[in-house]
Amino acid sequence: MAEALARSFGHEAASAGTHPGMSVAANSLTVLEEMGVSTSGLKPKSVDDIETEGWDMIISMGCGVECPMLPIAEDWGLEDPVGLPIDVYRSTRDTIIENLQRLSA
């Protein structure tokens, strides 16, 4: 969600996880599409496959993991909504939007 939302704000963004699934969670796609956010090209990626150089900042969503090899500028302390009801995805989406608005101001 964070990658698609950041791009909708006009940022260049890439998202990755420590244990990526085989596909993007259906509820993630649904709550993005509810807002008209493009989900084109979204796919799970591992932090091991993401280039960390050249970004203005790297932000951790939280999710209870640590990545000591990444220069994390902020940790948003979000819980991973995978497997939870769609309202949890909506709440996570809305929190990401609030943080992006703060960064974009």
N, C-alpha and C. Protein backbone atom coordinates (compact mmCIF):
# COMPACT_ATOMS: atom_id res chain seq x y z
N MET A 1 0.82 -1.19 0.00
CA MET A 1 0.00 0.00 0.00
C MET A 1 0.86 1.26 0.00
N ALA A 2 1.92 1.24 0.79
CA ALA A 2 2.74 2.44 0.93
C ALA A 2 3.34 2.88 -0.40
N GLU A 3 3.82 1.94 -1.18
CA GLU A 3 4.42 2.28 -2.48
C GLU A 3 3.40 2.96 -3.38
N ALA A 4 2.22 2.38 -3.53
CA ALA A 4 1.19 2.93 -4.40
C ALA A 4 0.72 4.29 -3.89
N LEU A 5 0.55 4.40 -2.58
CA LEU A 5 0.09 5.68 -2.02
C LEU A 5 1.15 6.77 -2.19
N ALA A 6 2.41 6.44 -1.95
CA ALA A 6 3.48 7.44 -2.13
C ALA A 6 3.53 7.91 -3.57
N ARG A 7 3.39 6.99 -4.50
CA ARG A 7 3.39 7.38 -5.91
C ARG A 7 2.20 8.27 -6.24
N SER A 8 1.05 8.00 -5.60
CA SER A 8 -0.13 8.83 -5.86
C SER A 8 0.08 10.26 -5.35
N PHE A 9 1.03 10.44 -4.41
CA PHE A 9 1.39 11.76 -3.92
C PHE A 9 2.49 12.40 -4.77
N GLY A 10 2.94 11.69 -5.80
CA GLY A 10 3.97 12.22 -6.70
C GLY A 10 5.39 11.86 -6.32
N HIS A 11 5.55 10.97 -5.36
CA HIS A 11 6.89 10.55 -4.94
C HIS A 11 7.34 9.34 -5.76
N GLU A 12 8.64 9.24 -5.95
CA GLU A 12 9.20 8.00 -6.49
C GLU A 12 9.34 7.07 -5.29
N ALA A 13 8.83 5.86 -5.41
CA ALA A 13 8.80 4.98 -4.24
C ALA A 13 8.98 3.52 -4.64
N ALA A 14 9.54 2.77 -3.71
CA ALA A 14 9.64 1.32 -3.84
C ALA A 14 9.35 0.75 -2.46
N SER A 15 8.70 -0.37 -2.43
CA SER A 15 8.33 -1.00 -1.17
C SER A 15 8.84 -2.43 -1.16
N ALA A 16 9.23 -2.88 0.02
CA ALA A 16 9.73 -4.25 0.15
C ALA A 16 9.52 -4.72 1.58
N GLY A 17 9.53 -6.02 1.74
CA GLY A 17 9.34 -6.59 3.07
C GLY A 17 10.39 -7.62 3.40
N THR A 18 10.41 -8.01 4.66
CA THR A 18 11.38 -9.01 5.09
C THR A 18 10.90 -10.42 4.77
N HIS A 19 9.59 -10.60 4.65
CA HIS A 19 9.01 -11.90 4.31
C HIS A 19 7.88 -11.69 3.29
N PRO A 20 8.23 -11.29 2.06
CA PRO A 20 7.18 -10.99 1.08
C PRO A 20 6.37 -12.23 0.70
N GLY A 21 5.08 -12.01 0.50
CA GLY A 21 4.20 -13.10 0.07
C GLY A 21 4.36 -13.36 -1.42
N MET A 22 3.52 -14.23 -1.93
CA MET A 22 3.56 -14.57 -3.35
C MET A 22 2.83 -13.53 -4.20
N SER A 23 1.88 -12.80 -3.59
CA SER A 23 1.14 -11.77 -4.29
C SER A 23 0.74 -10.69 -3.29
N VAL A 24 0.37 -9.53 -3.82
CA VAL A 24 -0.10 -8.45 -2.96
C VAL A 24 -1.44 -8.87 -2.37
N ALA A 25 -1.63 -8.62 -1.10
CA ALA A 25 -2.87 -8.99 -0.42
C ALA A 25 -4.08 -8.36 -1.12
N ALA A 26 -5.09 -9.17 -1.36
CA ALA A 26 -6.29 -8.71 -2.06
C ALA A 26 -6.92 -7.51 -1.36
N ASN A 27 -6.94 -7.51 -0.02
CA ASN A 27 -7.52 -6.38 0.70
C ASN A 27 -6.71 -5.10 0.50
N SER A 28 -5.40 -5.22 0.32
CA SER A 28 -4.58 -4.04 0.02
C SER A 28 -5.01 -3.43 -1.31
N LEU A 29 -5.16 -4.29 -2.30
CA LEU A 29 -5.58 -3.81 -3.62
C LEU A 29 -6.96 -3.18 -3.55
N THR A 30 -7.86 -3.80 -2.82
CA THR A 30 -9.23 -3.28 -2.70
C THR A 30 -9.25 -1.89 -2.08
N VAL A 31 -8.53 -1.69 -0.95
CA VAL A 31 -8.61 -0.39 -0.28
C VAL A 31 -7.88 0.70 -1.06
N LEU A 32 -6.91 0.33 -1.88
CA LEU A 32 -6.28 1.31 -2.77
C LEU A 32 -7.23 1.70 -3.90
N GLU A 33 -7.84 0.69 -4.49
CA GLU A 33 -8.76 0.94 -5.60
C GLU A 33 -9.99 1.71 -5.15
N GLU A 34 -10.41 1.55 -3.89
CA GLU A 34 -11.53 2.33 -3.35
C GLU A 34 -11.27 3.82 -3.47
N MET A 35 -10.00 4.21 -3.39
CA MET A 35 -9.62 5.62 -3.46
C MET A 35 -9.13 6.03 -4.85
N GLY A 36 -9.20 5.12 -5.80
CA GLY A 36 -8.75 5.44 -7.14
C GLY A 36 -7.24 5.43 -7.30
N VAL A 37 -6.54 4.79 -6.38
CA VAL A 37 -5.07 4.70 -6.44
C VAL A 37 -4.70 3.53 -7.34
N SER A 38 -3.81 3.78 -8.29
CA SER A 38 -3.39 2.74 -9.22
C SER A 38 -2.62 1.63 -8.49
N THR A 39 -2.98 0.40 -8.80
CA THR A 39 -2.28 -0.76 -8.25
C THR A 39 -1.45 -1.46 -9.32
N SER A 40 -1.37 -0.84 -10.48
CA SER A 40 -0.64 -1.41 -11.61
C SER A 40 0.83 -1.64 -11.25
N GLY A 41 1.30 -2.82 -11.51
CA GLY A 41 2.71 -3.14 -11.32
C GLY A 41 3.11 -3.48 -9.90
N LEU A 42 2.17 -3.45 -8.96
CA LEU A 42 2.53 -3.79 -7.58
C LEU A 42 2.80 -5.28 -7.46
N LYS A 43 3.89 -5.60 -6.79
CA LYS A 43 4.22 -7.00 -6.53
C LYS A 43 5.08 -7.06 -5.28
N PRO A 44 4.99 -8.14 -4.54
CA PRO A 44 5.83 -8.27 -3.35
C PRO A 44 7.31 -8.33 -3.72
N LYS A 45 8.12 -7.63 -2.93
CA LYS A 45 9.57 -7.63 -3.13
C LYS A 45 10.25 -7.79 -1.78
N SER A 46 11.41 -8.38 -1.80
CA SER A 46 12.20 -8.56 -0.59
C SER A 46 13.13 -7.37 -0.39
N VAL A 47 13.37 -7.00 0.87
CA VAL A 47 14.33 -5.93 1.15
C VAL A 47 15.71 -6.30 0.61
N ASP A 48 15.98 -7.58 0.45
CA ASP A 48 17.27 -8.00 -0.09
C ASP A 48 17.42 -7.65 -1.58
N ASP A 49 16.29 -7.38 -2.25
CA ASP A 49 16.32 -7.10 -3.68
C ASP A 49 16.15 -5.62 -4.01
N ILE A 50 16.07 -4.77 -3.01
CA ILE A 50 15.85 -3.34 -3.22
C ILE A 50 17.18 -2.60 -3.08
N GLU A 51 17.48 -1.74 -4.03
CA GLU A 51 18.66 -0.89 -3.95
C GLU A 51 18.39 0.20 -2.92
N THR A 52 19.26 0.37 -1.95
CA THR A 52 19.02 1.34 -0.89
C THR A 52 19.71 2.68 -1.13
N GLU A 53 20.55 2.76 -2.13
CA GLU A 53 21.25 4.01 -2.43
C GLU A 53 20.37 4.90 -3.32
N GLY A 54 20.49 6.20 -3.14
CA GLY A 54 19.83 7.15 -4.03
C GLY A 54 18.44 7.59 -3.58
N TRP A 55 17.94 7.05 -2.49
CA TRP A 55 16.63 7.48 -1.98
C TRP A 55 16.82 8.63 -1.00
N ASP A 56 15.85 9.54 -0.96
CA ASP A 56 15.90 10.63 0.02
C ASP A 56 15.75 10.09 1.44
N MET A 57 14.89 9.07 1.59
CA MET A 57 14.74 8.46 2.91
C MET A 57 14.16 7.07 2.77
N ILE A 58 14.48 6.25 3.75
CA ILE A 58 13.91 4.91 3.85
C ILE A 58 13.04 4.91 5.10
N ILE A 59 11.80 4.48 4.92
CA ILE A 59 10.83 4.48 6.01
C ILE A 59 10.41 3.05 6.29
N SER A 60 10.42 2.69 7.55
CA SER A 60 9.93 1.38 7.97
C SER A 60 8.46 1.52 8.36
N MET A 61 7.67 0.57 7.96
CA MET A 61 6.27 0.56 8.38
C MET A 61 6.16 0.05 9.81
N GLY A 62 7.22 -0.59 10.30
CA GLY A 62 7.20 -1.16 11.64
C GLY A 62 7.05 -2.66 11.56
N CYS A 63 5.88 -3.14 11.85
CA CYS A 63 5.53 -4.55 11.72
C CYS A 63 6.40 -5.46 12.59
N GLY A 64 7.09 -4.90 13.57
CA GLY A 64 7.83 -5.72 14.51
C GLY A 64 9.10 -6.34 13.99
N VAL A 65 9.64 -5.82 12.88
CA VAL A 65 10.89 -6.37 12.36
C VAL A 65 11.97 -5.30 12.42
N GLU A 66 13.21 -5.75 12.41
CA GLU A 66 14.33 -4.83 12.38
C GLU A 66 15.20 -5.16 11.20
N CYS A 67 15.71 -4.14 10.57
CA CYS A 67 16.61 -4.30 9.42
C CYS A 67 17.85 -3.47 9.67
N PRO A 68 18.81 -4.00 10.44
CA PRO A 68 19.98 -3.20 10.80
C PRO A 68 20.81 -2.75 9.61
N MET A 69 20.64 -3.41 8.45
CA MET A 69 21.44 -3.03 7.29
C MET A 69 20.82 -1.86 6.53
N LEU A 70 19.63 -1.41 6.92
CA LEU A 70 18.97 -0.31 6.23
C LEU A 70 19.08 0.98 7.05
N PRO A 71 19.42 2.09 6.38
CA PRO A 71 19.45 3.39 7.07
C PRO A 71 18.03 3.96 7.18
N ILE A 72 17.28 3.52 8.18
CA ILE A 72 15.88 3.89 8.31
C ILE A 72 15.76 5.28 8.93
N ALA A 73 15.08 6.19 8.18
CA ALA A 73 14.90 7.56 8.63
C ALA A 73 13.74 7.69 9.62
N GLU A 74 12.67 6.94 9.38
CA GLU A 74 11.50 6.96 10.25
C GLU A 74 10.91 5.56 10.34
N ASP A 75 10.32 5.27 11.48
CA ASP A 75 9.57 4.03 11.65
C ASP A 75 8.15 4.43 12.03
N TRP A 76 7.20 4.07 11.18
CA TRP A 76 5.81 4.48 11.41
C TRP A 76 5.07 3.56 12.36
N GLY A 77 5.67 2.48 12.80
CA GLY A 77 5.10 1.64 13.83
C GLY A 77 3.76 0.99 13.49
N LEU A 78 3.55 0.66 12.24
CA LEU A 78 2.29 0.04 11.83
C LEU A 78 2.34 -1.47 11.99
N GLU A 79 1.22 -2.05 12.31
CA GLU A 79 1.11 -3.50 12.36
C GLU A 79 0.76 -4.00 10.97
N ASP A 80 1.26 -5.14 10.59
CA ASP A 80 0.94 -5.74 9.30
C ASP A 80 -0.51 -6.22 9.33
N PRO A 81 -1.35 -5.72 8.41
CA PRO A 81 -2.77 -6.10 8.44
C PRO A 81 -3.08 -7.45 7.78
N VAL A 82 -2.07 -8.15 7.27
CA VAL A 82 -2.32 -9.40 6.56
C VAL A 82 -3.15 -10.35 7.42
N GLY A 83 -4.24 -10.85 6.81
CA GLY A 83 -5.11 -11.80 7.47
C GLY A 83 -6.17 -11.16 8.36
N LEU A 84 -6.14 -9.85 8.50
CA LEU A 84 -7.11 -9.15 9.34
C LEU A 84 -8.25 -8.61 8.48
N PRO A 85 -9.34 -8.17 9.10
CA PRO A 85 -10.49 -7.65 8.34
C PRO A 85 -10.13 -6.42 7.51
N ILE A 86 -10.92 -6.16 6.49
CA ILE A 86 -10.64 -5.06 5.56
C ILE A 86 -10.63 -3.71 6.26
N ASP A 87 -11.37 -3.55 7.35
CA ASP A 87 -11.34 -2.27 8.07
C ASP A 87 -9.95 -1.98 8.63
N VAL A 88 -9.19 -3.01 8.97
CA VAL A 88 -7.82 -2.81 9.46
C VAL A 88 -6.95 -2.31 8.30
N TYR A 89 -7.17 -2.83 7.11
CA TYR A 89 -6.45 -2.35 5.93
C TYR A 89 -6.78 -0.88 5.68
N ARG A 90 -8.05 -0.53 5.81
CA ARG A 90 -8.46 0.87 5.60
C ARG A 90 -7.78 1.79 6.62
N SER A 91 -7.74 1.35 7.87
CA SER A 91 -7.08 2.14 8.91
C SER A 91 -5.59 2.29 8.63
N THR A 92 -4.95 1.21 8.21
CA THR A 92 -3.52 1.25 7.86
C THR A 92 -3.30 2.20 6.69
N ARG A 93 -4.13 2.08 5.67
CA ARG A 93 -4.05 2.98 4.50
C ARG A 93 -4.17 4.43 4.94
N ASP A 94 -5.14 4.72 5.80
CA ASP A 94 -5.37 6.10 6.23
C ASP A 94 -4.20 6.64 7.04
N THR A 95 -3.58 5.80 7.85
CA THR A 95 -2.41 6.22 8.62
C THR A 95 -1.23 6.50 7.68
N ILE A 96 -1.05 5.66 6.67
CA ILE A 96 0.02 5.91 5.69
C ILE A 96 -0.23 7.24 4.99
N ILE A 97 -1.48 7.52 4.62
CA ILE A 97 -1.82 8.78 3.96
C ILE A 97 -1.50 9.97 4.87
N GLU A 98 -1.87 9.89 6.15
CA GLU A 98 -1.56 10.97 7.09
C GLU A 98 -0.06 11.23 7.18
N ASN A 99 0.73 10.16 7.23
CA ASN A 99 2.19 10.32 7.29
C ASN A 99 2.74 10.90 5.99
N LEU A 100 2.20 10.48 4.86
CA LEU A 100 2.65 11.03 3.58
C LEU A 100 2.29 12.51 3.45
N GLN A 101 1.12 12.89 3.95
CA GLN A 101 0.73 14.30 3.92
C GLN A 101 1.69 15.13 4.78
N ARG A 102 2.08 14.60 5.93
CA ARG A 102 3.04 15.28 6.79
C ARG A 102 4.37 15.46 6.07
N LEU A 103 4.85 14.42 5.41
CA LEU A 103 6.12 14.49 4.70
C LEU A 103 6.05 15.39 3.47
N SER A 104 4.88 15.50 2.88
CA SER A 104 4.73 16.26 1.65
C SER A 104 4.47 17.74 1.90
N ALA A 105 4.22 18.11 3.16
CA ALA A 105 3.89 19.50 3.49
C ALA A 105 5.10 20.40 3.41
